[in-house]
Amino acid sequence: MLFQTNEPAERKDVVADAVKKRSIAFEGISNARDLGGLQTVSGHMISPGCLIRSANLADATQSDKRKLREYWHIAKIIDLRTEIERRERPDVSLPHTDYLTIPIFTESMAGISHEKSLTVEQLFAVAPRMEQLYRQIVTDELCRKNLGRAARCVMEHDFSKGSVLWHCTEGKDRCGLLSAVLLLALGVDRGTITEDYMLTNHVNEAKAERYAQMLRASGKTEAEAARMRDMFLAKEEYLNEAFLAIDEQYKSIDAFLCDGLDIPSELILRFQESVLC
């Protein structure tokens, strides 16, 4: 039987403090953290140094590359970005590391992911409503297929060879939803998952405000500037929209994982055995 994922009635401040300590400092890689240390509702803990999430690796320095290989022992990288994103900002390569590309959504859904090639006005015009995007990722057939494939690639990994790192552009939306899926599979409650997800704002707040100011300067309204700012932030209502869509379509998290994402229950159990202590 899979570990239960029911959210506990009370949250503890010590959980948020523990989550903050998992952030990883790099010179050129942002929004990186280790999921190790998070606890499941059954009292198990994710082993440190197994599951790493981050923003893209395009600006990784030589020091960062050494840290990824020699300290974090990255053995597999899963890039969740689209082909155009990868072409615009290709990841640095790491020796002796498996590199997989699994784009969660198509170019037509990307919008905000192309900020480097668009003006701020163009970016605002094409960016999707974030709640809608999160719902679409867990309900659209193509998105679910790729989300499930990415999750299986993590779960099937031989952790004796090293850790797995997955990323998108900002390390927020696609990376955040894959992280949520993996944490749900491990039996982590939704409150803790949300706390981990919200840590992106410690990195992105300044960038979000900068884009909002650029939109104000272009003559847009304060409401439009606020919407632009929120595009670069992790907001609880975004993740809740994905959870709501899952609850509406599936009777349980186990059903979503097994039926929605095509992840066999046996693989989930092996994954739990591999990374929980």
C-alpha atoms as a PDB file:
ATOM      1  CA  MET A   1       0.000   0.000   0.000  1.00  0.00           C
ATOM      2  CA  LEU A   2       1.308   3.477  -0.861  1.00  0.00           C
ATOM      3  CA  PHE A   3       2.086   5.935   1.895  1.00  0.00           C
ATOM      4  CA  GLN A   4      -0.913   8.129   2.731  1.00  0.00           C
ATOM      5  CA  THR A   5      -0.858  11.733   1.465  1.00  0.00           C
ATOM      6  CA  ASN A   6      -3.634  13.306   3.509  1.00  0.00           C
ATOM      7  CA  GLU A   7      -2.772  16.826   4.621  1.00  0.00           C
ATOM      8  CA  PRO A   8      -2.447  17.157   8.428  1.00  0.00           C
ATOM      9  CA  ALA A   9      -4.766  19.518  10.261  1.00  0.00           C
ATOM     10  CA  GLU A  10      -2.033  21.719  11.716  1.00  0.00           C
ATOM     11  CA  ARG A  11       1.095  23.220  10.199  1.00  0.00           C
ATOM     12  CA  LYS A  12       4.248  23.820  12.209  1.00  0.00           C
ATOM     13  CA  ASP A  13       6.590  26.775  11.854  1.00  0.00           C
ATOM     14  CA  VAL A  14       9.599  24.479  12.111  1.00  0.00           C
ATOM     15  CA  VAL A  15       8.678  22.929   8.772  1.00  0.00           C
ATOM     16  CA  ALA A  16       9.076  26.232   6.932  1.00  0.00           C
ATOM     17  CA  ASP A  17      12.396  26.870   8.691  1.00  0.00           C
ATOM     18  CA  ALA A  18      13.674  23.448   7.660  1.00  0.00           C
ATOM     19  CA  VAL A  19      12.591  24.014   4.052  1.00  0.00           C
ATOM     20  CA  LYS A  20      14.563  27.265   3.800  1.00  0.00           C
ATOM     21  CA  LYS A  21      17.754  25.497   4.845  1.00  0.00           C
ATOM     22  CA  ARG A  22      17.566  23.283   1.740  1.00  0.00           C
ATOM     23  CA  SER A  23      18.384  26.066  -0.724  1.00  0.00           C
ATOM     24  CA  ILE A  24      21.608  25.530  -2.674  1.00  0.00           C
ATOM     25  CA  ALA A  25      23.861  28.474  -3.502  1.00  0.00           C
ATOM     26  CA  PHE A  26      25.469  28.554  -6.947  1.00  0.00           C
ATOM     27  CA  GLU A  27      27.227  31.330  -8.839  1.00  0.00           C
ATOM     28  CA  GLY A  28      25.153  31.139 -12.017  1.00  0.00           C
ATOM     29  CA  ILE A  29      22.292  28.741 -11.280  1.00  0.00           C
ATOM     30  CA  SER A  30      19.272  30.149  -9.479  1.00  0.00           C
ATOM     31  CA  ASN A  31      16.376  28.737  -7.500  1.00  0.00           C
ATOM     32  CA  ALA A  32      18.164  25.490  -6.645  1.00  0.00           C
ATOM     33  CA  ARG A  33      17.273  23.353  -3.663  1.00  0.00           C
ATOM     34  CA  ASP A  34      17.453  19.834  -2.341  1.00  0.00           C
ATOM     35  CA  LEU A  35      14.199  18.054  -1.485  1.00  0.00           C
ATOM     36  CA  GLY A  36      16.136  16.069   1.088  1.00  0.00           C
ATOM     37  CA  GLY A  37      14.984  16.628   4.657  1.00  0.00           C
ATOM     38  CA  LEU A  38      11.291  16.927   3.872  1.00  0.00           C
ATOM     39  CA  GLN A  39       9.165  14.546   5.915  1.00  0.00           C
ATOM     40  CA  THR A  40       6.259  12.370   4.875  1.00  0.00           C
ATOM     41  CA  VAL A  41       3.034  12.075   6.842  1.00  0.00           C
ATOM     42  CA  SER A  42       4.113   8.576   7.876  1.00  0.00           C
ATOM     43  CA  GLY A  43       7.261   9.905   9.560  1.00  0.00           C
ATOM     44  CA  HIS A  44       9.814   9.029   6.886  1.00  0.00           C
ATOM     45  CA  MET A  45      12.285  11.611   5.567  1.00  0.00           C
ATOM     46  CA  ILE A  46      13.623  12.187   2.054  1.00  0.00           C
ATOM     47  CA  SER A  47      17.319  11.415   2.025  1.00  0.00           C
ATOM     48  CA  PRO A  48      19.480  14.480   1.300  1.00  0.00           C
ATOM     49  CA  GLY A  49      21.387  14.605  -1.976  1.00  0.00           C
ATOM     50  CA  CYS A  50      18.983  12.569  -4.101  1.00  0.00           C
ATOM     51  CA  LEU A  51      16.384  14.946  -5.548  1.00  0.00           C
ATOM     52  CA  ILE A  52      17.474  18.400  -6.753  1.00  0.00           C
ATOM     53  CA  ARG A  53      15.309  21.060  -8.451  1.00  0.00           C
ATOM     54  CA  SER A  54      16.485  24.308 -10.037  1.00  0.00           C
ATOM     55  CA  ALA A  55      16.110  26.915 -12.751  1.00  0.00           C
ATOM     56  CA  ASN A  56      17.959  26.391 -16.054  1.00  0.00           C
ATOM     57  CA  LEU A  57      21.686  25.622 -16.154  1.00  0.00           C
ATOM     58  CA  ALA A  58      22.616  27.963 -19.008  1.00  0.00           C
ATOM     59  CA  ASP A  59      24.641  30.321 -16.798  1.00  0.00           C
ATOM     60  CA  ALA A  60      26.402  27.685 -14.708  1.00  0.00           C
ATOM     61  CA  THR A  61      30.020  28.617 -14.079  1.00  0.00           C
ATOM     62  CA  GLN A  62      32.950  26.229 -13.991  1.00  0.00           C
ATOM     63  CA  SER A  63      32.692  26.338 -10.198  1.00  0.00           C
ATOM     64  CA  ASP A  64      29.003  25.432 -10.446  1.00  0.00           C
ATOM     65  CA  LYS A  65      29.778  22.509 -12.752  1.00  0.00           C
ATOM     66  CA  ARG A  66      32.339  21.144 -10.309  1.00  0.00           C
ATOM     67  CA  LYS A  67      29.875  21.559  -7.455  1.00  0.00           C
ATOM     68  CA  LEU A  68      27.151  19.739  -9.357  1.00  0.00           C
ATOM     69  CA  ARG A  69      29.385  16.774 -10.120  1.00  0.00           C
ATOM     70  CA  GLU A  70      31.748  16.572  -7.163  1.00  0.00           C
ATOM     71  CA  TYR A  71      29.515  17.670  -4.293  1.00  0.00           C
ATOM     72  CA  TRP A  72      25.953  16.955  -5.422  1.00  0.00           C
ATOM     73  CA  HIS A  73      26.944  13.973  -7.605  1.00  0.00           C
ATOM     74  CA  ILE A  74      24.441  14.832 -10.334  1.00  0.00           C
ATOM     75  CA  ALA A  75      24.053  11.719 -12.486  1.00  0.00           C
ATOM     76  CA  LYS A  76      20.923  12.665 -14.432  1.00  0.00           C
ATOM     77  CA  ILE A  77      19.520  16.012 -15.623  1.00  0.00           C
ATOM     78  CA  ILE A  78      15.943  16.325 -16.880  1.00  0.00           C
ATOM     79  CA  ASP A  79      15.273  19.489 -18.892  1.00  0.00           C
ATOM     80  CA  LEU A  80      11.550  20.290 -18.968  1.00  0.00           C
ATOM     81  CA  ARG A  81      11.821  23.220 -21.409  1.00  0.00           C
ATOM     82  CA  THR A  82      10.621  23.427 -24.989  1.00  0.00           C
ATOM     83  CA  GLU A  83      12.948  23.082 -27.969  1.00  0.00           C
ATOM     84  CA  ILE A  84      13.027  26.846 -28.561  1.00  0.00           C
ATOM     85  CA  GLU A  85      13.865  27.525 -24.918  1.00  0.00           C
ATOM     86  CA  ARG A  86      16.706  25.031 -25.045  1.00  0.00           C
ATOM     87  CA  ARG A  87      18.001  26.578 -28.271  1.00  0.00           C
ATOM     88  CA  GLU A  88      17.827  30.119 -26.861  1.00  0.00           C
ATOM     89  CA  ARG A  89      19.597  29.209 -23.619  1.00  0.00           C
ATOM     90  CA  PRO A  90      21.273  25.793 -23.844  1.00  0.00           C
ATOM     91  CA  ASP A  91      22.314  24.100 -20.629  1.00  0.00           C
ATOM     92  CA  VAL A  92      25.986  23.630 -19.889  1.00  0.00           C
ATOM     93  CA  SER A  93      27.108  20.030 -20.291  1.00  0.00           C
ATOM     94  CA  LEU A  94      28.370  17.872 -17.456  1.00  0.00           C
ATOM     95  CA  PRO A  95      30.648  14.891 -18.065  1.00  0.00           C
ATOM     96  CA  HIS A  96      29.345  11.431 -17.226  1.00  0.00           C
ATOM     97  CA  THR A  97      25.811  12.775 -16.722  1.00  0.00           C
ATOM     98  CA  ASP A  98      22.690  11.546 -18.494  1.00  0.00           C
ATOM     99  CA  TYR A  99      20.771  14.449 -20.061  1.00  0.00           C
ATOM    100  CA  LEU A 100      17.112  14.007 -20.983  1.00  0.00           C
ATOM    101  CA  THR A 101      14.795  16.532 -22.640  1.00  0.00           C
ATOM    102  CA  ILE A 102      11.128  16.112 -21.728  1.00  0.00           C
ATOM    103  CA  PRO A 103       9.185  19.288 -22.614  1.00  0.00           C
ATOM    104  CA  ILE A 104       6.093  19.412 -20.418  1.00  0.00           C
ATOM    105  CA  PHE A 105       4.133  21.601 -22.824  1.00  0.00           C
ATOM    106  CA  THR A 106       4.248  22.861 -26.398  1.00  0.00           C
ATOM    107  CA  GLU A 107       5.550  26.174 -27.707  1.00  0.00           C
ATOM    108  CA  SER A 108       1.999  27.498 -28.011  1.00  0.00           C
ATOM    109  CA  MET A 109       1.629  27.241 -24.219  1.00  0.00           C
ATOM    110  CA  ALA A 110       5.066  28.586 -23.366  1.00  0.00           C
ATOM    111  CA  GLY A 111       4.407  32.353 -23.263  1.00  0.00           C
ATOM    112  CA  ILE A 112       6.355  33.565 -20.267  1.00  0.00           C
ATOM    113  CA  SER A 113       9.177  31.132 -20.959  1.00  0.00           C
ATOM    114  CA  HIS A 114      10.431  33.294 -23.847  1.00  0.00           C
ATOM    115  CA  GLU A 115      11.122  36.485 -21.936  1.00  0.00           C
ATOM    116  CA  LYS A 116      14.642  36.748 -23.420  1.00  0.00           C
ATOM    117  CA  SER A 117      13.338  37.098 -26.983  1.00  0.00           C
ATOM    118  CA  LEU A 118      10.259  39.273 -26.368  1.00  0.00           C
ATOM    119  CA  THR A 119       9.689  42.865 -25.323  1.00  0.00           C
ATOM    120  CA  VAL A 120       7.883  43.304 -22.033  1.00  0.00           C
ATOM    121  CA  GLU A 121       4.695  44.313 -23.891  1.00  0.00           C
ATOM    122  CA  GLN A 122       4.901  41.223 -26.132  1.00  0.00           C
ATOM    123  CA  LEU A 123       5.561  39.019 -23.142  1.00  0.00           C
ATOM    124  CA  PHE A 124       2.521  40.380 -21.329  1.00  0.00           C
ATOM    125  CA  ALA A 125       0.369  39.841 -24.429  1.00  0.00           C
ATOM    126  CA  VAL A 126       1.267  36.175 -24.927  1.00  0.00           C
ATOM    127  CA  ALA A 127       1.689  35.001 -21.329  1.00  0.00           C
ATOM    128  CA  PRO A 128      -1.054  32.603 -20.193  1.00  0.00           C
ATOM    129  CA  ARG A 129      -3.220  32.967 -17.119  1.00  0.00           C
ATOM    130  CA  MET A 130      -1.198  31.076 -14.580  1.00  0.00           C
ATOM    131  CA  GLU A 131      -4.084  29.288 -12.865  1.00  0.00           C
ATOM    132  CA  GLN A 132      -5.230  28.067 -16.281  1.00  0.00           C
ATOM    133  CA  LEU A 133      -1.713  26.913 -17.148  1.00  0.00           C
ATOM    134  CA  TYR A 134      -1.372  24.882 -13.951  1.00  0.00           C
ATOM    135  CA  ARG A 135      -4.741  23.249 -14.498  1.00  0.00           C
ATOM    136  CA  GLN A 136      -3.850  22.485 -18.106  1.00  0.00           C
ATOM    137  CA  ILE A 137      -0.580  20.798 -17.201  1.00  0.00           C
ATOM    138  CA  VAL A 138      -2.373  18.197 -15.063  1.00  0.00           C
ATOM    139  CA  THR A 139      -5.423  17.769 -17.333  1.00  0.00           C
ATOM    140  CA  ASP A 140      -4.211  18.139 -20.945  1.00  0.00           C
ATOM    141  CA  GLU A 141      -3.387  14.714 -22.389  1.00  0.00           C
ATOM    142  CA  LEU A 142      -0.029  15.702 -23.886  1.00  0.00           C
ATOM    143  CA  CYS A 143       1.069  17.579 -20.767  1.00  0.00           C
ATOM    144  CA  ARG A 144       0.045  14.726 -18.475  1.00  0.00           C
ATOM    145  CA  LYS A 145       1.868  12.230 -20.673  1.00  0.00           C
ATOM    146  CA  ASN A 146       5.096  14.219 -20.491  1.00  0.00           C
ATOM    147  CA  LEU A 147       4.695  15.009 -16.794  1.00  0.00           C
ATOM    148  CA  GLY A 148       4.266  11.294 -16.133  1.00  0.00           C
ATOM    149  CA  ARG A 149       7.244  10.444 -18.307  1.00  0.00           C
ATOM    150  CA  ALA A 150       9.436  12.925 -16.437  1.00  0.00           C
ATOM    151  CA  ALA A 151       8.274  11.541 -13.077  1.00  0.00           C
ATOM    152  CA  ARG A 152       9.030   7.976 -14.174  1.00  0.00           C
ATOM    153  CA  CYS A 153      12.524   9.037 -15.309  1.00  0.00           C
ATOM    154  CA  VAL A 154      13.206  10.300 -11.794  1.00  0.00           C
ATOM    155  CA  MET A 155      11.661   7.282 -10.089  1.00  0.00           C
ATOM    156  CA  GLU A 156      13.495   4.762 -12.294  1.00  0.00           C
ATOM    157  CA  HIS A 157      16.889   6.334 -11.595  1.00  0.00           C
ATOM    158  CA  ASP A 158      19.578   4.263  -9.888  1.00  0.00           C
ATOM    159  CA  PHE A 159      20.381   6.540  -6.968  1.00  0.00           C
ATOM    160  CA  SER A 160      23.514   4.561  -6.158  1.00  0.00           C
ATOM    161  CA  LYS A 161      25.019   6.351  -9.188  1.00  0.00           C
ATOM    162  CA  GLY A 162      24.199   9.847  -7.887  1.00  0.00           C
ATOM    163  CA  SER A 163      21.360  12.346  -7.708  1.00  0.00           C
ATOM    164  CA  VAL A 164      18.771  13.600 -10.201  1.00  0.00           C
ATOM    165  CA  LEU A 165      18.274  17.279 -11.080  1.00  0.00           C
ATOM    166  CA  TRP A 166      15.251  18.556 -13.012  1.00  0.00           C
ATOM    167  CA  HIS A 167      14.599  22.097 -14.165  1.00  0.00           C
ATOM    168  CA  CYS A 168      12.616  24.370 -16.455  1.00  0.00           C
ATOM    169  CA  THR A 169      13.422  28.036 -17.147  1.00  0.00           C
ATOM    170  CA  GLU A 170      12.587  29.680 -13.813  1.00  0.00           C
ATOM    171  CA  GLY A 171      12.412  26.503 -11.730  1.00  0.00           C
ATOM    172  CA  LYS A 172       8.871  27.487 -10.793  1.00  0.00           C
ATOM    173  CA  ASP A 173       5.946  26.143 -12.856  1.00  0.00           C
ATOM    174  CA  ARG A 174       6.910  22.963 -14.706  1.00  0.00           C
ATOM    175  CA  CYS A 175       9.687  22.225 -12.246  1.00  0.00           C
ATOM    176  CA  GLY A 176       7.298  22.983  -9.388  1.00  0.00           C
ATOM    177  CA  LEU A 177       4.596  20.645 -10.660  1.00  0.00           C
ATOM    178  CA  LEU A 178       7.029  17.792 -11.272  1.00  0.00           C
ATOM    179  CA  SER A 179       8.355  18.348  -7.745  1.00  0.00           C
ATOM    180  CA  ALA A 180       4.795  18.253  -6.429  1.00  0.00           C
ATOM    181  CA  VAL A 181       4.109  14.957  -8.223  1.00  0.00           C
ATOM    182  CA  LEU A 182       7.252  13.364  -6.802  1.00  0.00           C
ATOM    183  CA  LEU A 183       6.526  14.619  -3.293  1.00  0.00           C
ATOM    184  CA  LEU A 184       2.938  13.357  -3.472  1.00  0.00           C
ATOM    185  CA  ALA A 185       4.266   9.962  -4.557  1.00  0.00           C
ATOM    186  CA  LEU A 186       6.586   9.944  -1.551  1.00  0.00           C
ATOM    187  CA  GLY A 187       3.755  10.738   0.845  1.00  0.00           C
ATOM    188  CA  VAL A 188       4.524  14.392   1.615  1.00  0.00           C
ATOM    189  CA  ASP A 189       1.449  16.446   2.568  1.00  0.00           C
ATOM    190  CA  ARG A 190       0.199  19.299   0.404  1.00  0.00           C
ATOM    191  CA  GLY A 191       1.047  21.969   2.936  1.00  0.00           C
ATOM    192  CA  THR A 192       4.730  21.032   2.906  1.00  0.00           C
ATOM    193  CA  ILE A 193       4.681  20.765  -0.894  1.00  0.00           C
ATOM    194  CA  THR A 194       3.258  24.288  -1.097  1.00  0.00           C
ATOM    195  CA  GLU A 195       5.910  25.623   1.294  1.00  0.00           C
ATOM    196  CA  ASP A 196       8.653  24.206  -0.893  1.00  0.00           C
ATOM    197  CA  TYR A 197       6.999  25.620  -4.012  1.00  0.00           C
ATOM    198  CA  MET A 198       6.703  29.105  -2.496  1.00  0.00           C
ATOM    199  CA  LEU A 199      10.442  29.298  -1.818  1.00  0.00           C
ATOM    200  CA  THR A 200      10.874  30.428  -5.422  1.00  0.00           C
ATOM    201  CA  ASN A 201       9.721  33.871  -4.315  1.00  0.00           C
ATOM    202  CA  HIS A 202      12.872  34.386  -2.252  1.00  0.00           C
ATOM    203  CA  VAL A 203      14.715  34.293  -5.590  1.00  0.00           C
ATOM    204  CA  ASN A 204      12.209  35.839  -7.995  1.00  0.00           C
ATOM    205  CA  GLU A 205      10.700  38.772  -6.093  1.00  0.00           C
ATOM    206  CA  ALA A 206      13.209  41.321  -7.388  1.00  0.00           C
ATOM    207  CA  LYS A 207      12.875  40.090 -10.956  1.00  0.00           C
ATOM    208  CA  ALA A 208       9.078  40.110 -10.717  1.00  0.00           C
ATOM    209  CA  GLU A 209       9.038  43.702  -9.534  1.00  0.00           C
ATOM    210  CA  ARG A 210      11.481  44.735 -12.253  1.00  0.00           C
ATOM    211  CA  TYR A 211       9.193  43.416 -14.972  1.00  0.00           C
ATOM    212  CA  ALA A 212       6.178  45.053 -13.334  1.00  0.00           C
ATOM    213  CA  GLN A 213       7.999  48.385 -13.327  1.00  0.00           C
ATOM    214  CA  MET A 214       8.905  47.976 -16.998  1.00  0.00           C
ATOM    215  CA  LEU A 215       5.243  47.425 -17.832  1.00  0.00           C
ATOM    216  CA  ARG A 216       4.202  50.493 -15.806  1.00  0.00           C
ATOM    217  CA  ALA A 217       6.771  52.519 -17.739  1.00  0.00           C
ATOM    218  CA  SER A 218       5.243  51.341 -21.012  1.00  0.00           C
ATOM    219  CA  GLY A 219       1.910  52.903 -20.017  1.00  0.00           C
ATOM    220  CA  LYS A 220       0.051  49.860 -18.708  1.00  0.00           C
ATOM    221  CA  THR A 221      -2.256  50.077 -15.701  1.00  0.00           C
ATOM    222  CA  GLU A 222      -1.311  49.142 -12.161  1.00  0.00           C
ATOM    223  CA  ALA A 223      -3.558  46.069 -12.429  1.00  0.00           C
ATOM    224  CA  GLU A 224      -1.704  44.948 -15.546  1.00  0.00           C
ATOM    225  CA  ALA A 225       1.646  45.572 -13.872  1.00  0.00           C
ATOM    226  CA  ALA A 226       0.511  43.482 -10.895  1.00  0.00           C
ATOM    227  CA  ARG A 227      -0.481  40.662 -13.224  1.00  0.00           C
ATOM    228  CA  MET A 228       2.935  40.810 -14.865  1.00  0.00           C
ATOM    229  CA  ARG A 229       4.595  40.681 -11.451  1.00  0.00           C
ATOM    230  CA  ASP A 230       2.553  37.646 -10.459  1.00  0.00           C
ATOM    231  CA  MET A 231       3.650  35.771 -13.571  1.00  0.00           C
ATOM    232  CA  PHE A 232       7.162  35.524 -12.138  1.00  0.00           C
ATOM    233  CA  LEU A 233       6.061  34.535  -8.642  1.00  0.00           C
ATOM    234  CA  ALA A 234       5.001  31.254  -7.117  1.00  0.00           C
ATOM    235  CA  LYS A 235       1.496  31.785  -5.779  1.00  0.00           C
ATOM    236  CA  GLU A 236      -0.436  29.343  -3.653  1.00  0.00           C
ATOM    237  CA  GLU A 237      -3.533  29.711  -5.816  1.00  0.00           C
ATOM    238  CA  TYR A 238      -1.615  28.468  -8.868  1.00  0.00           C
ATOM    239  CA  LEU A 239      -0.633  25.204  -7.216  1.00  0.00           C
ATOM    240  CA  ASN A 240      -4.058  24.893  -5.612  1.00  0.00           C
ATOM    241  CA  GLU A 241      -5.618  25.065  -9.075  1.00  0.00           C
ATOM    242  CA  ALA A 242      -3.610  22.007 -10.079  1.00  0.00           C
ATOM    243  CA  PHE A 243      -4.594  20.206  -6.872  1.00  0.00           C
ATOM    244  CA  LEU A 244      -8.246  21.124  -7.460  1.00  0.00           C
ATOM    245  CA  ALA A 245      -8.137  19.757 -11.010  1.00  0.00           C
ATOM    246  CA  ILE A 246      -6.617  16.513  -9.717  1.00  0.00           C
ATOM    247  CA  ASP A 247      -9.284  16.202  -7.017  1.00  0.00           C
ATOM    248  CA  GLU A 248     -12.051  16.833  -9.546  1.00  0.00           C
ATOM    249  CA  GLN A 249     -10.933  14.167 -11.999  1.00  0.00           C
ATOM    250  CA  TYR A 250      -9.478  11.470  -9.748  1.00  0.00           C
ATOM    251  CA  LYS A 251     -10.711   9.830  -6.569  1.00  0.00           C
ATOM    252  CA  SER A 252      -7.290   9.859  -4.925  1.00  0.00           C
ATOM    253  CA  ILE A 253      -3.671  10.840  -5.401  1.00  0.00           C
ATOM    254  CA  ASP A 254      -2.874   7.182  -6.046  1.00  0.00           C
ATOM    255  CA  ALA A 255      -5.395   7.182  -8.907  1.00  0.00           C
ATOM    256  CA  PHE A 256      -3.883  10.358 -10.376  1.00  0.00           C
ATOM    257  CA  LEU A 257      -0.383   8.908 -10.228  1.00  0.00           C
ATOM    258  CA  CYS A 258      -1.300   5.469 -11.578  1.00  0.00           C
ATOM    259  CA  ASP A 259      -4.117   6.304 -14.009  1.00  0.00           C
ATOM    260  CA  GLY A 260      -3.489   9.968 -14.856  1.00  0.00           C
ATOM    261  CA  LEU A 261       0.298   9.812 -15.139  1.00  0.00           C
ATOM    262  CA  ASP A 262       0.713   6.111 -15.953  1.00  0.00           C
ATOM    263  CA  ILE A 263       3.084   5.484 -13.044  1.00  0.00           C
ATOM    264  CA  PRO A 264       2.854   1.882 -11.825  1.00  0.00           C
ATOM    265  CA  SER A 265       2.299   1.467  -8.098  1.00  0.00           C
ATOM    266  CA  GLU A 266       5.263  -0.924  -7.970  1.00  0.00           C
ATOM    267  CA  LEU A 267       7.536   1.815  -9.324  1.00  0.00           C
ATOM    268  CA  ILE A 268       6.240   4.269  -6.709  1.00  0.00           C
ATOM    269  CA  LEU A 269       7.014   1.775  -3.942  1.00  0.00           C
ATOM    270  CA  ARG A 270      10.544   1.216  -5.283  1.00  0.00           C
ATOM    271  CA  PHE A 271      11.027   4.984  -5.479  1.00  0.00           C
ATOM    272  CA  GLN A 272       9.909   5.348  -1.870  1.00  0.00           C
ATOM    273  CA  GLU A 273      12.328   2.616  -0.815  1.00  0.00           C
ATOM    274  CA  SER A 274      15.165   4.289  -2.750  1.00  0.00           C
ATOM    275  CA  VAL A 275      14.957   7.820  -1.362  1.00  0.00           C
ATOM    276  CA  LEU A 276      13.149   7.623   1.995  1.00  0.00           C
ATOM    277  CA  CYS A 277      14.868   6.950   5.250  1.00  0.00           C
END
